[in-house]
Amino acid sequence: MSIIMYIGIFTAQIIGVSLAAMIFISTYSNSRKKGWIILSFLSALLVYQLIQGFNVSIAMGTGMVIIDLFVIAAAFLTLKQKNL
């Protein structure tokens, strides 16, 4: 797999997980119950995506996990700052 493909997949991962985090934050801010429902759905999608990443290669899966951890930490720090 070429380096261009890795960069493209990692870029798509950053954009996708960031959008998912924004959807979760906005939903959770309005309704906690709906936020938890969205979070469970997004978590299932994230697990599926990580499984697919590790099927491609260990480096791809590891990179995706690192990206996901940073975005998830940023999302929860944002919620903590908003005191939700």
PDB file of N, CA and C in Angstrom:
ATOM      1  N   MET A   1       0.850  -1.173   0.000  1.00  0.00           N
ATOM      2  CA  MET A   1       0.000   0.000   0.000  1.00  0.00           C
ATOM      3  C   MET A   1       0.898   1.239   0.000  1.00  0.00           C
ATOM      4  N   SER A   2       0.565   2.197  -0.808  1.00  0.00           N
ATOM      5  CA  SER A   2       1.430   3.360  -0.939  1.00  0.00           C
ATOM      6  C   SER A   2       1.178   4.376   0.168  1.00  0.00           C
ATOM      7  N   ILE A   3       2.130   5.247   0.353  1.00  0.00           N
ATOM      8  CA  ILE A   3       2.056   6.264   1.397  1.00  0.00           C
ATOM      9  C   ILE A   3       0.911   7.239   1.130  1.00  0.00           C
ATOM     10  N   ILE A   4       0.613   7.478  -0.134  1.00  0.00           N
ATOM     11  CA  ILE A   4      -0.490   8.378  -0.496  1.00  0.00           C
ATOM     12  C   ILE A   4      -1.816   7.801  -0.012  1.00  0.00           C
ATOM     13  N   MET A   5      -1.978   6.494  -0.139  1.00  0.00           N
ATOM     14  CA  MET A   5      -3.215   5.853   0.311  1.00  0.00           C
ATOM     15  C   MET A   5      -3.336   5.935   1.835  1.00  0.00           C
ATOM     16  N   TYR A   6      -2.240   5.716   2.556  1.00  0.00           N
ATOM     17  CA  TYR A   6      -2.260   5.847   4.016  1.00  0.00           C
ATOM     18  C   TYR A   6      -2.660   7.265   4.424  1.00  0.00           C
ATOM     19  N   ILE A   7      -2.071   8.245   3.776  1.00  0.00           N
ATOM     20  CA  ILE A   7      -2.388   9.643   4.102  1.00  0.00           C
ATOM     21  C   ILE A   7      -3.856   9.932   3.822  1.00  0.00           C
ATOM     22  N   GLY A   8      -4.374   9.437   2.723  1.00  0.00           N
ATOM     23  CA  GLY A   8      -5.778   9.640   2.391  1.00  0.00           C
ATOM     24  C   GLY A   8      -6.710   8.999   3.403  1.00  0.00           C
ATOM     25  N   ILE A   9      -6.402   7.780   3.815  1.00  0.00           N
ATOM     26  CA  ILE A   9      -7.248   7.085   4.795  1.00  0.00           C
ATOM     27  C   ILE A   9      -7.155   7.757   6.153  1.00  0.00           C
ATOM     28  N   PHE A  10      -5.954   8.172   6.562  1.00  0.00           N
ATOM     29  CA  PHE A  10      -5.823   8.864   7.846  1.00  0.00           C
ATOM     30  C   PHE A  10      -6.545  10.213   7.827  1.00  0.00           C
ATOM     31  N   THR A  11      -6.495  10.917   6.716  1.00  0.00           N
ATOM     32  CA  THR A  11      -7.215  12.186   6.589  1.00  0.00           C
ATOM     33  C   THR A  11      -8.720  11.953   6.689  1.00  0.00           C
ATOM     34  N   ALA A  12      -9.204  10.928   6.005  1.00  0.00           N
ATOM     35  CA  ALA A  12     -10.632  10.596   6.087  1.00  0.00           C
ATOM     36  C   ALA A  12     -11.016  10.198   7.516  1.00  0.00           C
ATOM     37  N   GLN A  13     -10.128   9.514   8.202  1.00  0.00           N
ATOM     38  CA  GLN A  13     -10.384   9.115   9.595  1.00  0.00           C
ATOM     39  C   GLN A  13     -10.493  10.340  10.492  1.00  0.00           C
ATOM     40  N   ILE A  14      -9.581  11.290  10.325  1.00  0.00           N
ATOM     41  CA  ILE A  14      -9.619  12.509  11.133  1.00  0.00           C
ATOM     42  C   ILE A  14     -10.912  13.268  10.887  1.00  0.00           C
ATOM     43  N   ILE A  15     -11.282  13.426   9.628  1.00  0.00           N
ATOM     44  CA  ILE A  15     -12.495  14.168   9.300  1.00  0.00           C
ATOM     45  C   ILE A  15     -13.732  13.443   9.817  1.00  0.00           C
ATOM     46  N   GLY A  16     -13.810  12.143   9.608  1.00  0.00           N
ATOM     47  CA  GLY A  16     -14.978  11.375  10.034  1.00  0.00           C
ATOM     48  C   GLY A  16     -15.168  11.340  11.539  1.00  0.00           C
ATOM     49  N   VAL A  17     -14.094  11.092  12.262  1.00  0.00           N
ATOM     50  CA  VAL A  17     -14.193  11.024  13.723  1.00  0.00           C
ATOM     51  C   VAL A  17     -14.468  12.410  14.307  1.00  0.00           C
ATOM     52  N   SER A  18     -13.894  13.449  13.709  1.00  0.00           N
ATOM     53  CA  SER A  18     -14.163  14.808  14.181  1.00  0.00           C
ATOM     54  C   SER A  18     -15.629  15.182  13.978  1.00  0.00           C
ATOM     55  N   LEU A  19     -16.184  14.835  12.827  1.00  0.00           N
ATOM     56  CA  LEU A  19     -17.599  15.099  12.581  1.00  0.00           C
ATOM     57  C   LEU A  19     -18.486  14.311  13.539  1.00  0.00           C
ATOM     58  N   ALA A  20     -18.125  13.063  13.792  1.00  0.00           N
ATOM     59  CA  ALA A  20     -18.888  12.250  14.737  1.00  0.00           C
ATOM     60  C   ALA A  20     -18.828  12.851  16.144  1.00  0.00           C
ATOM     61  N   ALA A  21     -17.656  13.353  16.534  1.00  0.00           N
ATOM     62  CA  ALA A  21     -17.518  13.975  17.852  1.00  0.00           C
ATOM     63  C   ALA A  21     -18.363  15.238  17.950  1.00  0.00           C
ATOM     64  N   MET A  22     -18.400  16.027  16.878  1.00  0.00           N
ATOM     65  CA  MET A  22     -19.232  17.239  16.888  1.00  0.00           C
ATOM     66  C   MET A  22     -20.716  16.897  16.972  1.00  0.00           C
ATOM     67  N   ILE A  23     -21.134  15.851  16.272  1.00  0.00           N
ATOM     68  CA  ILE A  23     -22.531  15.418  16.349  1.00  0.00           C
ATOM     69  C   ILE A  23     -22.853  14.971  17.765  1.00  0.00           C
ATOM     70  N   PHE A  24     -21.957  14.198  18.375  1.00  0.00           N
ATOM     71  CA  PHE A  24     -22.188  13.740  19.742  1.00  0.00           C
ATOM     72  C   PHE A  24     -22.261  14.912  20.711  1.00  0.00           C
ATOM     73  N   ILE A  25     -21.325  15.842  20.613  1.00  0.00           N
ATOM     74  CA  ILE A  25     -21.304  16.976  21.542  1.00  0.00           C
ATOM     75  C   ILE A  25     -22.574  17.804  21.422  1.00  0.00           C
ATOM     76  N   SER A  26     -23.008  18.089  20.207  1.00  0.00           N
ATOM     77  CA  SER A  26     -24.209  18.910  20.043  1.00  0.00           C
ATOM     78  C   SER A  26     -25.457  18.171  20.511  1.00  0.00           C
ATOM     79  N   THR A  27     -25.538  16.887  20.235  1.00  0.00           N
ATOM     80  CA  THR A  27     -26.692  16.110  20.684  1.00  0.00           C
ATOM     81  C   THR A  27     -26.700  15.970  22.197  1.00  0.00           C
ATOM     82  N   TYR A  28     -25.544  15.688  22.785  1.00  0.00           N
ATOM     83  CA  TYR A  28     -25.438  15.515  24.230  1.00  0.00           C
ATOM     84  C   TYR A  28     -25.731  16.822  24.960  1.00  0.00           C
ATOM     85  N   SER A  29     -25.365  17.942  24.353  1.00  0.00           N
ATOM     86  CA  SER A  29     -25.635  19.244  24.969  1.00  0.00           C
ATOM     87  C   SER A  29     -27.134  19.519  25.047  1.00  0.00           C
ATOM     88  N   ASN A  30     -27.889  19.042  24.070  1.00  0.00           N
ATOM     89  CA  ASN A  30     -29.329  19.265  24.053  1.00  0.00           C
ATOM     90  C   ASN A  30     -30.091  18.235  24.873  1.00  0.00           C
ATOM     91  N   SER A  31     -29.706  16.987  24.787  1.00  0.00           N
ATOM     92  CA  SER A  31     -30.407  15.912  25.479  1.00  0.00           C
ATOM     93  C   SER A  31     -29.416  14.806  25.822  1.00  0.00           C
ATOM     94  N   ARG A  32     -29.226  14.567  27.111  1.00  0.00           N
ATOM     95  CA  ARG A  32     -28.262  13.542  27.509  1.00  0.00           C
ATOM     96  C   ARG A  32     -28.677  12.159  27.041  1.00  0.00           C
ATOM     97  N   LYS A  33     -29.970  11.850  27.120  1.00  0.00           N
ATOM     98  CA  LYS A  33     -30.449  10.528  26.706  1.00  0.00           C
ATOM     99  C   LYS A  33     -30.164  10.287  25.229  1.00  0.00           C
ATOM    100  N   LYS A  34     -30.499  11.258  24.388  1.00  0.00           N
ATOM    101  CA  LYS A  34     -30.225  11.128  22.961  1.00  0.00           C
ATOM    102  C   LYS A  34     -28.722  11.091  22.701  1.00  0.00           C
ATOM    103  N   GLY A  35     -27.957  11.831  23.497  1.00  0.00           N
ATOM    104  CA  GLY A  35     -26.502  11.821  23.350  1.00  0.00           C
ATOM    105  C   GLY A  35     -25.906  10.452  23.595  1.00  0.00           C
ATOM    106  N   TRP A  36     -26.392   9.753  24.622  1.00  0.00           N
ATOM    107  CA  TRP A  36     -25.888   8.411  24.910  1.00  0.00           C
ATOM    108  C   TRP A  36     -26.280   7.425  23.820  1.00  0.00           C
ATOM    109  N   ILE A  37     -27.481   7.611  23.237  1.00  0.00           N
ATOM    110  CA  ILE A  37     -27.905   6.745  22.137  1.00  0.00           C
ATOM    111  C   ILE A  37     -26.987   6.958  20.929  1.00  0.00           C
ATOM    112  N   ILE A  38     -26.739   8.217  20.603  1.00  0.00           N
ATOM    113  CA  ILE A  38     -25.830   8.538  19.492  1.00  0.00           C
ATOM    114  C   ILE A  38     -24.431   7.988  19.764  1.00  0.00           C
ATOM    115  N   LEU A  39     -23.960   8.138  21.007  1.00  0.00           N
ATOM    116  CA  LEU A  39     -22.625   7.647  21.353  1.00  0.00           C
ATOM    117  C   LEU A  39     -22.524   6.135  21.170  1.00  0.00           C
ATOM    118  N   SER A  40     -23.549   5.394  21.550  1.00  0.00           N
ATOM    119  CA  SER A  40     -23.490   3.938  21.386  1.00  0.00           C
ATOM    120  C   SER A  40     -23.466   3.560  19.902  1.00  0.00           C
ATOM    121  N   PHE A  41     -24.248   4.266  19.092  1.00  0.00           N
ATOM    122  CA  PHE A  41     -24.242   4.007  17.648  1.00  0.00           C
ATOM    123  C   PHE A  41     -22.881   4.347  17.044  1.00  0.00           C
ATOM    124  N   LEU A  42     -22.340   5.502  17.402  1.00  0.00           N
ATOM    125  CA  LEU A  42     -21.039   5.914  16.868  1.00  0.00           C
ATOM    126  C   LEU A  42     -19.919   4.990  17.341  1.00  0.00           C
ATOM    127  N   SER A  43     -20.026   4.484  18.561  1.00  0.00           N
ATOM    128  CA  SER A  43     -19.017   3.556  19.081  1.00  0.00           C
ATOM    129  C   SER A  43     -19.006   2.256  18.282  1.00  0.00           C
ATOM    130  N   ALA A  44     -20.204   1.762  17.935  1.00  0.00           N
ATOM    131  CA  ALA A  44     -20.281   0.546  17.124  1.00  0.00           C
ATOM    132  C   ALA A  44     -19.643   0.771  15.752  1.00  0.00           C
ATOM    133  N   LEU A  45     -19.916   1.929  15.158  1.00  0.00           N
ATOM    134  CA  LEU A  45     -19.300   2.239  13.865  1.00  0.00           C
ATOM    135  C   LEU A  45     -17.782   2.362  13.979  1.00  0.00           C
ATOM    136  N   LEU A  46     -17.323   2.948  15.076  1.00  0.00           N
ATOM    137  CA  LEU A  46     -15.882   3.114  15.285  1.00  0.00           C
ATOM    138  C   LEU A  46     -15.195   1.763  15.427  1.00  0.00           C
ATOM    139  N   VAL A  47     -15.800   0.852  16.170  1.00  0.00           N
ATOM    140  CA  VAL A  47     -15.217  -0.486  16.328  1.00  0.00           C
ATOM    141  C   VAL A  47     -15.131  -1.191  14.974  1.00  0.00           C
ATOM    142  N   TYR A  48     -16.188  -1.094  14.182  1.00  0.00           N
ATOM    143  CA  TYR A  48     -16.174  -1.699  12.848  1.00  0.00           C
ATOM    144  C   TYR A  48     -15.058  -1.101  11.995  1.00  0.00           C
ATOM    145  N   GLN A  49     -14.921   0.220  12.058  1.00  0.00           N
ATOM    146  CA  GLN A  49     -13.901   0.901  11.271  1.00  0.00           C
ATOM    147  C   GLN A  49     -12.495   0.482  11.714  1.00  0.00           C
ATOM    148  N   LEU A  50     -12.300   0.322  13.007  1.00  0.00           N
ATOM    149  CA  LEU A  50     -10.987  -0.110  13.503  1.00  0.00           C
ATOM    150  C   LEU A  50     -10.680  -1.546  13.093  1.00  0.00           C
ATOM    151  N   ILE A  51     -11.685  -2.397  13.112  1.00  0.00           N
ATOM    152  CA  ILE A  51     -11.475  -3.777  12.657  1.00  0.00           C
ATOM    153  C   ILE A  51     -11.034  -3.780  11.201  1.00  0.00           C
ATOM    154  N   GLN A  52     -11.686  -2.969  10.375  1.00  0.00           N
ATOM    155  CA  GLN A  52     -11.304  -2.882   8.967  1.00  0.00           C
ATOM    156  C   GLN A  52      -9.887  -2.321   8.807  1.00  0.00           C
ATOM    157  N   GLY A  53      -9.528  -1.352   9.645  1.00  0.00           N
ATOM    158  CA  GLY A  53      -8.180  -0.786   9.588  1.00  0.00           C
ATOM    159  C   GLY A  53      -7.114  -1.801   9.947  1.00  0.00           C
ATOM    160  N   PHE A  54      -7.370  -2.605  10.995  1.00  0.00           N
ATOM    161  CA  PHE A  54      -6.400  -3.624  11.377  1.00  0.00           C
ATOM    162  C   PHE A  54      -6.346  -4.760  10.356  1.00  0.00           C
ATOM    163  N   ASN A  55      -7.433  -4.979   9.620  1.00  0.00           N
ATOM    164  CA  ASN A  55      -7.389  -5.983   8.553  1.00  0.00           C
ATOM    165  C   ASN A  55      -6.484  -5.542   7.406  1.00  0.00           C
ATOM    166  N   VAL A  56      -6.379  -4.229   7.195  1.00  0.00           N
ATOM    167  CA  VAL A  56      -5.480  -3.723   6.148  1.00  0.00           C
ATOM    168  C   VAL A  56      -4.033  -3.906   6.580  1.00  0.00           C
ATOM    169  N   SER A  57      -3.690  -3.370   7.759  1.00  0.00           N
ATOM    170  CA  SER A  57      -2.342  -3.557   8.301  1.00  0.00           C
ATOM    171  C   SER A  57      -2.322  -3.101   9.760  1.00  0.00           C
ATOM    172  N   ILE A  58      -1.323  -3.552  10.473  1.00  0.00           N
ATOM    173  CA  ILE A  58      -1.167  -3.171  11.876  1.00  0.00           C
ATOM    174  C   ILE A  58      -0.892  -1.669  11.986  1.00  0.00           C
ATOM    175  N   ALA A  59      -0.086  -1.144  11.081  1.00  0.00           N
ATOM    176  CA  ALA A  59       0.232   0.289  11.107  1.00  0.00           C
ATOM    177  C   ALA A  59      -1.026   1.129  10.880  1.00  0.00           C
ATOM    178  N   MET A  60      -1.886   0.689   9.968  1.00  0.00           N
ATOM    179  CA  MET A  60      -3.123   1.417   9.684  1.00  0.00           C
ATOM    180  C   MET A  60      -4.032   1.408  10.918  1.00  0.00           C
ATOM    181  N   GLY A  61      -4.207   0.252  11.508  1.00  0.00           N
ATOM    182  CA  GLY A  61      -5.057   0.148  12.690  1.00  0.00           C
ATOM    183  C   GLY A  61      -4.520   0.952  13.864  1.00  0.00           C
ATOM    184  N   THR A  62      -3.227   0.897  14.075  1.00  0.00           N
ATOM    185  CA  THR A  62      -2.613   1.643  15.168  1.00  0.00           C
ATOM    186  C   THR A  62      -2.748   3.151  14.953  1.00  0.00           C
ATOM    187  N   GLY A  63      -2.535   3.593  13.755  1.00  0.00           N
ATOM    188  CA  GLY A  63      -2.705   5.015  13.436  1.00  0.00           C
ATOM    189  C   GLY A  63      -4.132   5.470  13.657  1.00  0.00           C
ATOM    190  N   MET A  64      -5.078   4.630  13.284  1.00  0.00           N
ATOM    191  CA  MET A  64      -6.484   4.974  13.477  1.00  0.00           C
ATOM    192  C   MET A  64      -6.837   5.056  14.962  1.00  0.00           C
ATOM    193  N   VAL A  65      -6.287   4.151  15.752  1.00  0.00           N
ATOM    194  CA  VAL A  65      -6.534   4.182  17.200  1.00  0.00           C
ATOM    195  C   VAL A  65      -5.976   5.466  17.805  1.00  0.00           C
ATOM    196  N   ILE A  66      -4.788   5.856  17.396  1.00  0.00           N
ATOM    197  CA  ILE A  66      -4.176   7.081  17.924  1.00  0.00           C
ATOM    198  C   ILE A  66      -5.011   8.298  17.554  1.00  0.00           C
ATOM    199  N   ILE A  67      -5.448   8.380  16.312  1.00  0.00           N
ATOM    200  CA  ILE A  67      -6.305   9.488  15.877  1.00  0.00           C
ATOM    201  C   ILE A  67      -7.586   9.512  16.699  1.00  0.00           C
ATOM    202  N   ASP A  68      -8.198   8.354  16.858  1.00  0.00           N
ATOM    203  CA  ASP A  68      -9.458   8.269  17.600  1.00  0.00           C
ATOM    204  C   ASP A  68      -9.287   8.697  19.054  1.00  0.00           C
ATOM    205  N   LEU A  69      -8.211   8.277  19.677  1.00  0.00           N
ATOM    206  CA  LEU A  69      -7.992   8.649  21.083  1.00  0.00           C
ATOM    207  C   LEU A  69      -7.844  10.158  21.255  1.00  0.00           C
ATOM    208  N   PHE A  70      -7.119  10.802  20.343  1.00  0.00           N
ATOM    209  CA  PHE A  70      -6.961  12.258  20.428  1.00  0.00           C
ATOM    210  C   PHE A  70      -8.294  12.981  20.242  1.00  0.00           C
ATOM    211  N   VAL A  71      -9.080  12.551  19.270  1.00  0.00           N
ATOM    212  CA  VAL A  71     -10.361  13.216  19.018  1.00  0.00           C
ATOM    213  C   VAL A  71     -11.342  12.960  20.162  1.00  0.00           C
ATOM    214  N   ILE A  72     -11.368  11.740  20.683  1.00  0.00           N
ATOM    215  CA  ILE A  72     -12.261  11.428  21.810  1.00  0.00           C
ATOM    216  C   ILE A  72     -11.865  12.235  23.038  1.00  0.00           C
ATOM    217  N   ALA A  73     -10.572  12.348  23.306  1.00  0.00           N
ATOM    218  CA  ALA A  73     -10.118  13.150  24.446  1.00  0.00           C
ATOM    219  C   ALA A  73     -10.517  14.615  24.275  1.00  0.00           C
ATOM    220  N   ALA A  74     -10.376  15.132  23.075  1.00  0.00           N
ATOM    221  CA  ALA A  74     -10.763  16.525  22.815  1.00  0.00           C
ATOM    222  C   ALA A  74     -12.267  16.723  23.002  1.00  0.00           C
ATOM    223  N   ALA A  75     -13.062  15.746  22.579  1.00  0.00           N
ATOM    224  CA  ALA A  75     -14.517  15.852  22.724  1.00  0.00           C
ATOM    225  C   ALA A  75     -14.919  15.868  24.196  1.00  0.00           C
ATOM    226  N   PHE A  76     -14.347  14.992  24.987  1.00  0.00           N
ATOM    227  CA  PHE A  76     -14.713  14.949  26.396  1.00  0.00           C
ATOM    228  C   PHE A  76     -14.163  16.143  27.170  1.00  0.00           C
ATOM    229  N   LEU A  77     -13.011  16.664  26.765  1.00  0.00           N
ATOM    230  CA  LEU A  77     -12.517  17.887  27.400  1.00  0.00           C
ATOM    231  C   LEU A  77     -13.429  19.072  27.063  1.00  0.00           C
ATOM    232  N   THR A  78     -13.956  19.087  25.846  1.00  0.00           N
ATOM    233  CA  THR A  78     -14.915  20.135  25.460  1.00  0.00           C
ATOM    234  C   THR A  78     -16.172  20.054  26.296  1.00  0.00           C
ATOM    235  N   LEU A  79     -16.685  18.843  26.493  1.00  0.00           N
ATOM    236  CA  LEU A  79     -17.876  18.677  27.336  1.00  0.00           C
ATOM    237  C   LEU A  79     -17.587  19.061  28.785  1.00  0.00           C
ATOM    238  N   LYS A  80     -16.394  18.756  29.253  1.00  0.00           N
ATOM    239  CA  LYS A  80     -16.034  19.091  30.622  1.00  0.00           C
ATOM    240  C   LYS A  80     -15.963  20.611  30.801  1.00  0.00           C
ATOM    241  N   GLN A  81     -15.434  21.315  29.797  1.00  0.00           N
ATOM    242  CA  GLN A  81     -15.361  22.781  29.869  1.00  0.00           C
ATOM    243  C   GLN A  81     -16.745  23.417  29.864  1.00  0.00           C
ATOM    244  N   LYS A  82     -17.688  22.772  29.171  1.00  0.00           N
ATOM    245  CA  LYS A  82     -19.052  23.282  29.134  1.00  0.00           C
ATOM    246  C   LYS A  82     -19.837  22.891  30.379  1.00  0.00           C
ATOM    247  N   ASN A  83     -19.218  22.122  31.270  1.00  0.00           N
ATOM    248  CA  ASN A  83     -19.838  21.650  32.515  1.00  0.00           C
ATOM    249  C   ASN A  83     -21.094  20.833  32.246  1.00  0.00           C
ATOM    250  N   LEU A  84     -21.020  19.900  31.295  1.00  0.00           N
ATOM    251  CA  LEU A  84     -22.162  19.040  30.998  1.00  0.00           C
ATOM    252  C   LEU A  84     -21.943  17.675  31.526  1.00  0.00           C
TER     253      LEU A  84
END
